[in-house]
Amino acid sequence: MKIEQYGPVVCSVPANSSFVCIDLSLQAVGEGQRGEAEYRYRIGAFVGRSVSWSVEQQPELAIRLRIPREKFRANEDLLLEVLDKRSHAVLWTRGWRAAWQGDLPVVESGDEGESSRGEWNVRPRCYRTSED
């Protein structure tokens, strides 16, 4: 089984909210046993909670990361990982760099490849998409 991201990553700040929301979709593809997984994220020193995902019952998953606005600082690294719940093996990992365009939050990345090896205690490698 392989985990893939599909569709865009959408960043927003809902009206009257003190959170930045990052929305993206993941799906399980390929052969193999589909059991329980979990995803978790961190941005800088802030660690979001782990959330369970029943891949067998729901092979496609829409994720919303809620990050306190004060933790979403420009140039902070955001890392999202999906792990096998039983073995704790990393199934998918992706890193972005936080940025602001005026009052709008954005995540920047030039690294389109998924990795099967993530290091939770190591800063993710993130790249800007352009230097314009």
Foldseek 3Di string as FASTA:
>chain_A
DAKDWDDDWDWDADPPHQWIKTKTKMFDDDDDDQAKKWKWKDWAPRTDDIDIDGCVVPRMDIDIDIGGNVRQDFQIKMKMFMADPPPRFTRWMDIWTWDDDDPTIDTAAPDNDTDRDDDPPDGDDGDGPDDD
